[in-house]
């Protein structure tokens, strides 16, 4: 009986040592996992910062102008600016005159869309003069920042 008790104590001691070894290994695994998560968060923040700086720099380098000579042209002839408001006015009149208002709403929506498209297409974007180094930096910041953000978002 005494021999059997010693064997059980020895087996219990070995099991306890194995559990302690496993716990020490798991501690390192958890620490490395926490470190890995903080690295991903740091990459995301740095990427977001670089992306923001790059986009801000690009937006500051672009000059926006608009030309109100003619919003659109059909074939070789360009139409006057006031014609883009005609579908909107027709749609508003249809809302008050017709019983089925759905057609009036459709024409009003189309008229509003034509006006928005005409305004957007009249805008011209021009890069301000600068040197190649600035362009490489601003587009580089944007590319690196976007890459870091995407990498940290899609990391498993």
C-alpha atoms as a PDB file:
ATOM      1  CA  UNK A   1       0.000   0.000   0.000  1.00  0.00           C
ATOM      2  CA  UNK A   2       2.831   2.363   0.885  1.00  0.00           C
ATOM      3  CA  UNK A   3       4.490   1.665  -2.456  1.00  0.00           C
ATOM      4  CA  UNK A   4       1.287   2.355  -4.351  1.00  0.00           C
ATOM      5  CA  UNK A   5       0.841   5.649  -2.462  1.00  0.00           C
ATOM      6  CA  UNK A   6       4.362   6.745  -3.404  1.00  0.00           C
ATOM      7  CA  UNK A   7       3.711   5.923  -7.059  1.00  0.00           C
ATOM      8  CA  UNK A   8       0.531   8.007  -7.022  1.00  0.00           C
ATOM      9  CA  UNK A   9       2.349  10.919  -5.345  1.00  0.00           C
ATOM     10  CA  UNK A  10       5.117  10.733  -7.950  1.00  0.00           C
ATOM     11  CA  UNK A  11       2.579  10.650 -10.776  1.00  0.00           C
ATOM     12  CA  UNK A  12       0.752  13.613  -9.258  1.00  0.00           C
ATOM     13  CA  UNK A  13       4.038  15.556  -8.983  1.00  0.00           C
ATOM     14  CA  UNK A  14       4.827  14.868 -12.658  1.00  0.00           C
ATOM     15  CA  UNK A  15       1.360  15.974 -13.711  1.00  0.00           C
ATOM     16  CA  UNK A  16       1.711  19.174 -11.671  1.00  0.00           C
ATOM     17  CA  UNK A  17       5.085  19.929 -13.303  1.00  0.00           C
ATOM     18  CA  UNK A  18       3.582  19.391 -16.747  1.00  0.00           C
ATOM     19  CA  UNK A  19       0.678  21.717 -15.902  1.00  0.00           C
ATOM     20  CA  UNK A  20       3.108  24.405 -14.705  1.00  0.00           C
ATOM     21  CA  UNK A  21       5.124  24.088 -17.926  1.00  0.00           C
ATOM     22  CA  UNK A  22       1.961  24.358 -20.018  1.00  0.00           C
ATOM     23  CA  UNK A  23       0.804  27.398 -18.053  1.00  0.00           C
ATOM     24  CA  UNK A  24       4.139  29.132 -18.562  1.00  0.00           C
ATOM     25  CA  UNK A  25       3.955  28.423 -22.307  1.00  0.00           C
ATOM     26  CA  UNK A  26       0.376  29.729 -22.450  1.00  0.00           C
ATOM     27  CA  UNK A  27       1.399  32.923 -20.644  1.00  0.00           C
ATOM     28  CA  UNK A  28       3.888  33.640 -23.404  1.00  0.00           C
ATOM     29  CA  UNK A  29       1.268  32.844 -26.053  1.00  0.00           C
ATOM     30  CA  UNK A  30      -1.234  35.240 -24.494  1.00  0.00           C
ATOM     31  CA  UNK A  31       1.375  37.968 -24.204  1.00  0.00           C
ATOM     32  CA  UNK A  32       2.369  37.561 -27.833  1.00  0.00           C
ATOM     33  CA  UNK A  33      -1.297  37.593 -28.901  1.00  0.00           C
ATOM     34  CA  UNK A  34      -1.865  40.827 -26.958  1.00  0.00           C
ATOM     35  CA  UNK A  35       1.293  42.270 -28.490  1.00  0.00           C
ATOM     36  CA  UNK A  36       0.106  41.208 -31.962  1.00  0.00           C
ATOM     37  CA  UNK A  37      -3.293  42.883 -31.453  1.00  0.00           C
ATOM     38  CA  UNK A  38      -1.650  46.108 -30.290  1.00  0.00           C
ATOM     39  CA  UNK A  39       0.621  46.019 -33.372  1.00  0.00           C
ATOM     40  CA  UNK A  40      -2.435  45.725 -35.627  1.00  0.00           C
ATOM     41  CA  UNK A  41      -4.093  48.636 -33.840  1.00  0.00           C
ATOM     42  CA  UNK A  42      -0.903  50.695 -34.141  1.00  0.00           C
ATOM     43  CA  UNK A  43      -0.679  49.872 -37.863  1.00  0.00           C
ATOM     44  CA  UNK A  44      -4.305  50.909 -38.328  1.00  0.00           C
ATOM     45  CA  UNK A  45      -3.824  54.243 -36.533  1.00  0.00           C
ATOM     46  CA  UNK A  46      -0.597  55.050 -38.388  1.00  0.00           C
ATOM     47  CA  UNK A  47      -2.205  54.032 -41.688  1.00  0.00           C
ATOM     48  CA  UNK A  48      -5.237  56.199 -40.990  1.00  0.00           C
ATOM     49  CA  UNK A  49      -2.970  59.128 -40.130  1.00  0.00           C
ATOM     50  CA  UNK A  50      -0.879  58.725 -43.301  1.00  0.00           C
ATOM     51  CA  UNK A  51      -4.001  58.303 -45.426  1.00  0.00           C
ATOM     52  CA  UNK A  52      -5.530  61.443 -43.932  1.00  0.00           C
ATOM     53  CA  UNK A  53      -2.366  63.485 -44.428  1.00  0.00           C
ATOM     54  CA  UNK A  54      -2.000  62.293 -48.017  1.00  0.00           C
ATOM     55  CA  UNK A  55      -5.620  62.998 -48.931  1.00  0.00           C
ATOM     56  CA  UNK A  56      -5.517  66.394 -47.211  1.00  0.00           C
ATOM     57  CA  UNK A  57      -2.363  67.275 -49.142  1.00  0.00           C
ATOM     58  CA  UNK A  58      -3.909  66.168 -52.445  1.00  0.00           C
ATOM     59  CA  UNK A  59      -7.100  68.120 -51.773  1.00  0.00           C
ATOM     60  CA  UNK A  60      -5.070  71.203 -50.888  1.00  0.00           C
ATOM     61  CA  UNK A  61      -3.153  70.925 -54.175  1.00  0.00           C
ATOM     62  CA  UNK A  62      -6.244  70.846 -56.373  1.00  0.00           C
ATOM     63  CA  UNK A  63      -7.884  74.058 -57.551  1.00  0.00           C
ATOM     64  CA  UNK A  64     -11.591  73.900 -58.400  1.00  0.00           C
ATOM     65  CA  UNK A  65     -13.074  76.166 -61.058  1.00  0.00           C
ATOM     66  CA  UNK A  66     -16.373  76.135 -62.873  1.00  0.00           C
ATOM     67  CA  UNK A  67     -17.369  77.284 -66.292  1.00  0.00           C
ATOM     68  CA  UNK A  68     -20.925  78.498 -66.664  1.00  0.00           C
ATOM     69  CA  UNK A  69     -20.790  79.049 -70.412  1.00  0.00           C
ATOM     70  CA  UNK A  70     -22.929  76.008 -71.200  1.00  0.00           C
ATOM     71  CA  UNK A  71     -23.799  73.025 -69.046  1.00  0.00           C
ATOM     72  CA  UNK A  72     -24.330  70.494 -71.792  1.00  0.00           C
ATOM     73  CA  UNK A  73     -24.316  70.148 -75.514  1.00  0.00           C
ATOM     74  CA  UNK A  74     -26.288  67.960 -77.873  1.00  0.00           C
ATOM     75  CA  UNK A  75     -24.302  67.050 -80.936  1.00  0.00           C
ATOM     76  CA  UNK A  76     -22.326  70.129 -81.916  1.00  0.00           C
ATOM     77  CA  UNK A  77     -24.875  72.605 -80.559  1.00  0.00           C
ATOM     78  CA  UNK A  78     -24.793  73.715 -76.970  1.00  0.00           C
ATOM     79  CA  UNK A  79     -27.999  74.570 -75.121  1.00  0.00           C
ATOM     80  CA  UNK A  80     -28.403  77.626 -72.890  1.00  0.00           C
ATOM     81  CA  UNK A  81     -28.118  77.220 -69.119  1.00  0.00           C
ATOM     82  CA  UNK A  82     -31.764  77.929 -68.397  1.00  0.00           C
ATOM     83  CA  UNK A  83     -32.937  74.836 -70.248  1.00  0.00           C
ATOM     84  CA  UNK A  84     -31.762  72.516 -67.474  1.00  0.00           C
ATOM     85  CA  UNK A  85     -34.500  73.828 -65.178  1.00  0.00           C
ATOM     86  CA  UNK A  86     -37.350  73.118 -67.632  1.00  0.00           C
ATOM     87  CA  UNK A  87     -37.867  69.428 -66.622  1.00  0.00           C
ATOM     88  CA  UNK A  88     -37.979  70.426 -62.953  1.00  0.00           C
ATOM     89  CA  UNK A  89     -40.606  73.098 -63.626  1.00  0.00           C
ATOM     90  CA  UNK A  90     -42.685  70.695 -65.740  1.00  0.00           C
ATOM     91  CA  UNK A  91     -42.539  68.104 -62.933  1.00  0.00           C
ATOM     92  CA  UNK A  92     -43.681  70.639 -60.327  1.00  0.00           C
ATOM     93  CA  UNK A  93     -46.610  71.685 -62.530  1.00  0.00           C
ATOM     94  CA  UNK A  94     -47.523  68.006 -63.034  1.00  0.00           C
ATOM     95  CA  UNK A  95     -47.615  67.519 -59.245  1.00  0.00           C
ATOM     96  CA  UNK A  96     -50.333  70.138 -58.926  1.00  0.00           C
ATOM     97  CA  UNK A  97     -52.333  69.369 -62.074  1.00  0.00           C
ATOM     98  CA  UNK A  98     -52.436  65.576 -62.406  1.00  0.00           C
ATOM     99  CA  UNK A  99     -54.369  63.206 -60.171  1.00  0.00           C
ATOM    100  CA  UNK A 100     -51.725  60.470 -60.328  1.00  0.00           C
ATOM    101  CA  UNK A 101     -48.798  62.248 -58.724  1.00  0.00           C
ATOM    102  CA  UNK A 102     -46.296  59.467 -59.426  1.00  0.00           C
ATOM    103  CA  UNK A 103     -45.548  60.809 -62.914  1.00  0.00           C
ATOM    104  CA  UNK A 104     -45.032  64.292 -61.492  1.00  0.00           C
ATOM    105  CA  UNK A 105     -42.612  62.961 -58.899  1.00  0.00           C
ATOM    106  CA  UNK A 106     -40.697  61.015 -61.551  1.00  0.00           C
ATOM    107  CA  UNK A 107     -40.347  64.074 -63.812  1.00  0.00           C
ATOM    108  CA  UNK A 108     -39.398  66.252 -60.807  1.00  0.00           C
ATOM    109  CA  UNK A 109     -36.736  63.706 -59.780  1.00  0.00           C
ATOM    110  CA  UNK A 110     -35.371  63.564 -63.317  1.00  0.00           C
ATOM    111  CA  UNK A 111     -35.278  67.371 -63.463  1.00  0.00           C
ATOM    112  CA  UNK A 112     -33.408  67.554 -60.155  1.00  0.00           C
ATOM    113  CA  UNK A 113     -30.948  64.901 -61.346  1.00  0.00           C
ATOM    114  CA  UNK A 114     -30.339  66.847 -64.587  1.00  0.00           C
ATOM    115  CA  UNK A 115     -29.572  70.014 -62.625  1.00  0.00           C
ATOM    116  CA  UNK A 116     -27.166  68.169 -60.289  1.00  0.00           C
ATOM    117  CA  UNK A 117     -25.416  66.458 -63.193  1.00  0.00           C
ATOM    118  CA  UNK A 118     -25.105  69.770 -65.035  1.00  0.00           C
ATOM    119  CA  UNK A 119     -23.541  71.454 -62.007  1.00  0.00           C
ATOM    120  CA  UNK A 120     -21.144  68.587 -61.341  1.00  0.00           C
ATOM    121  CA  UNK A 121     -20.030  68.334 -64.971  1.00  0.00           C
ATOM    122  CA  UNK A 122     -19.344  72.059 -65.107  1.00  0.00           C
ATOM    123  CA  UNK A 123     -16.690  71.787 -62.377  1.00  0.00           C
ATOM    124  CA  UNK A 124     -13.053  71.636 -63.494  1.00  0.00           C
ATOM    125  CA  UNK A 125     -10.218  70.362 -61.317  1.00  0.00           C
ATOM    126  CA  UNK A 126      -6.617  71.564 -61.816  1.00  0.00           C
ATOM    127  CA  UNK A 127      -3.494  70.565 -59.935  1.00  0.00           C
ATOM    128  CA  UNK A 128      -1.531  73.532 -58.711  1.00  0.00           C
ATOM    129  CA  UNK A 129       2.085  73.725 -59.752  1.00  0.00           C
ATOM    130  CA  UNK A 130       4.526  71.820 -57.637  1.00  0.00           C
ATOM    131  CA  UNK A 131       7.633  69.741 -57.822  1.00  0.00           C
ATOM    132  CA  UNK A 132       7.839  65.998 -58.325  1.00  0.00           C
ATOM    133  CA  UNK A 133       8.987  65.384 -54.759  1.00  0.00           C
ATOM    134  CA  UNK A 134       5.749  66.815 -53.368  1.00  0.00           C
ATOM    135  CA  UNK A 135       3.631  64.708 -55.734  1.00  0.00           C
ATOM    136  CA  UNK A 136       5.540  61.531 -54.853  1.00  0.00           C
ATOM    137  CA  UNK A 137       5.129  62.260 -51.134  1.00  0.00           C
ATOM    138  CA  UNK A 138       1.431  63.072 -51.254  1.00  0.00           C
ATOM    139  CA  UNK A 139       0.504  60.060 -53.364  1.00  0.00           C
ATOM    140  CA  UNK A 140       2.985  57.897 -51.421  1.00  0.00           C
ATOM    141  CA  UNK A 141       1.408  58.871 -48.079  1.00  0.00           C
ATOM    142  CA  UNK A 142      -2.007  58.068 -49.496  1.00  0.00           C
ATOM    143  CA  UNK A 143      -0.920  54.693 -50.898  1.00  0.00           C
ATOM    144  CA  UNK A 144       1.018  53.588 -47.806  1.00  0.00           C
ATOM    145  CA  UNK A 145      -1.739  54.751 -45.460  1.00  0.00           C
ATOM    146  CA  UNK A 146      -4.416  52.995 -47.490  1.00  0.00           C
ATOM    147  CA  UNK A 147      -2.308  49.836 -47.600  1.00  0.00           C
ATOM    148  CA  UNK A 148      -1.762  49.807 -43.826  1.00  0.00           C
ATOM    149  CA  UNK A 149      -5.448  50.430 -43.131  1.00  0.00           C
ATOM    150  CA  UNK A 150      -6.529  47.638 -45.494  1.00  0.00           C
ATOM    151  CA  UNK A 151      -3.884  45.280 -44.112  1.00  0.00           C
ATOM    152  CA  UNK A 152      -5.014  45.830 -40.530  1.00  0.00           C
ATOM    153  CA  UNK A 153      -8.702  45.558 -41.430  1.00  0.00           C
ATOM    154  CA  UNK A 154      -8.390  42.282 -43.335  1.00  0.00           C
ATOM    155  CA  UNK A 155      -5.838  40.650 -41.017  1.00  0.00           C
ATOM    156  CA  UNK A 156      -7.144  37.441 -39.467  1.00  0.00           C
END
